Amino acid sequence: MLLPYLLLGAILFVLGLIGFVTRRNLIIMFLCTEMMFQGIILNLVAFGRYPLKGAPTFDGQVFALFLIAVAAAEAALALALVVLLYRYQGTLDANAYRMLKDE
């Protein structure tokens, strides 16, 4: 019963990684980061529900809640950076960060 959850989590993570590497729009990149987080959270909860040894524990759910808090903080900082970049450059292209460094 553990394998479908692990496969779905791996698929989410890989799709997020591919999207993060191939796209240059900052909003899409941050959404892909959130998709990778969701794949990790799904795997954590699945390992907590179906442990390799012993009875199910809440360890996976506790780590998942911690990761959700980290993802929320990351999303808030990312939104602030995206708004700041859009104000200075007028674009959401990730290459605009290089222009900010030169100025």
Protein backbone atom coordinates (compact mmCIF):
# COMPACT_ATOMS: atom_id res chain seq x y z
CA MET A 1 0.00 0.00 0.00
CA LEU A 2 2.96 2.35 0.42
CA LEU A 3 4.15 2.18 -3.19
CA PRO A 4 1.33 4.24 -4.82
CA TYR A 5 1.91 7.10 -2.39
CA LEU A 6 5.64 7.05 -3.01
CA LEU A 7 5.16 6.99 -6.77
CA LEU A 8 2.73 9.90 -6.66
CA GLY A 9 5.10 11.87 -4.41
CA ALA A 10 8.01 11.14 -6.74
CA ILE A 11 5.97 12.20 -9.78
CA LEU A 12 5.02 15.48 -8.10
CA PHE A 13 8.62 16.14 -7.14
CA VAL A 14 10.00 15.36 -10.60
CA LEU A 15 7.36 17.47 -12.37
CA GLY A 16 8.15 20.36 -10.03
CA LEU A 17 11.87 19.94 -10.62
CA ILE A 18 11.44 19.88 -14.39
CA GLY A 19 9.24 22.97 -14.27
CA PHE A 20 11.71 24.79 -12.01
CA VAL A 21 14.67 24.06 -14.27
CA THR A 22 12.98 24.76 -17.60
CA ARG A 23 10.91 27.89 -16.87
CA ARG A 24 12.21 31.43 -16.49
CA ASN A 25 9.05 33.07 -15.10
CA LEU A 26 9.48 33.60 -11.36
CA ILE A 27 5.85 32.85 -10.51
CA ILE A 28 6.04 29.50 -12.31
CA MET A 29 9.35 28.72 -10.62
CA PHE A 30 7.90 29.31 -7.16
CA LEU A 31 4.80 27.26 -7.99
CA CYS A 32 7.09 24.43 -9.07
CA THR A 33 8.95 24.74 -5.77
CA GLU A 34 5.63 24.36 -3.95
CA MET A 35 4.86 21.30 -6.06
CA MET A 36 8.16 19.75 -4.98
CA PHE A 37 7.26 20.49 -1.35
CA GLN A 38 3.91 18.76 -1.83
CA GLY A 39 5.62 15.65 -3.18
CA ILE A 40 7.90 15.56 -0.14
CA ILE A 41 4.98 16.10 2.23
CA LEU A 42 3.05 13.26 0.63
CA ASN A 43 6.00 10.92 1.10
CA LEU A 44 6.44 11.99 4.73
CA VAL A 45 2.80 11.34 5.55
CA ALA A 46 2.88 8.01 3.71
CA PHE A 47 5.95 6.86 5.66
CA GLY A 48 4.24 7.91 8.88
CA ARG A 49 1.11 5.96 8.00
CA TYR A 50 2.89 2.88 6.62
CA PRO A 51 6.18 2.59 8.52
CA LEU A 52 8.76 0.04 7.45
CA LYS A 53 8.78 -1.48 10.95
CA GLY A 54 6.39 -1.30 13.86
CA ALA A 55 3.13 0.53 14.35
CA PRO A 56 2.13 3.73 12.54
CA THR A 57 3.41 6.89 14.18
CA PHE A 58 2.75 10.60 13.84
CA ASP A 59 6.35 11.43 12.98
CA GLY A 60 5.61 11.89 9.29
CA GLN A 61 2.68 14.19 9.99
CA VAL A 62 4.75 16.29 12.39
CA PHE A 63 7.52 16.72 9.82
CA ALA A 64 4.88 17.49 7.17
CA LEU A 65 3.41 20.27 9.31
CA PHE A 66 6.88 21.71 9.84
CA LEU A 67 7.50 21.63 6.08
CA ILE A 68 4.16 23.34 5.43
CA ALA A 69 5.23 26.15 7.78
CA VAL A 70 8.56 26.45 5.96
CA ALA A 71 6.77 26.51 2.59
CA ALA A 72 4.44 29.28 3.80
CA ALA A 73 7.40 31.39 4.91
CA GLU A 74 9.16 30.73 1.60
CA ALA A 75 6.04 31.74 -0.34
CA ALA A 76 5.77 35.03 1.58
CA LEU A 77 9.41 35.91 0.90
CA ALA A 78 9.10 34.85 -2.73
CA LEU A 79 6.06 37.04 -3.27
CA ALA A 80 7.88 40.01 -1.78
CA LEU A 81 10.87 39.42 -4.05
CA VAL A 82 8.65 39.03 -7.13
CA VAL A 83 6.85 42.31 -6.39
CA LEU A 84 10.15 44.08 -5.84
CA LEU A 85 11.64 42.72 -9.06
CA TYR A 86 8.55 43.65 -11.04
CA ARG A 87 8.69 47.21 -9.69
CA TYR A 88 12.34 47.66 -10.70
CA GLN A 89 12.44 45.76 -13.98
CA GLY A 90 8.82 45.54 -15.18
CA THR A 91 9.23 41.84 -15.92
CA LEU A 92 9.11 38.51 -14.11
CA ASP A 93 11.98 36.97 -16.05
CA ALA A 94 14.57 35.35 -13.79
CA ASN A 95 17.40 36.79 -15.88
CA ALA A 96 16.41 40.28 -14.67
CA TYR A 97 18.15 39.49 -11.38
CA ARG A 98 21.47 39.62 -13.21
CA MET A 99 20.63 43.13 -14.41
CA LEU A 100 19.91 44.23 -10.83
CA LYS A 101 23.33 43.01 -9.74
CA ASP A 102 25.06 45.13 -12.39
CA GLU A 103 23.25 48.34 -11.46
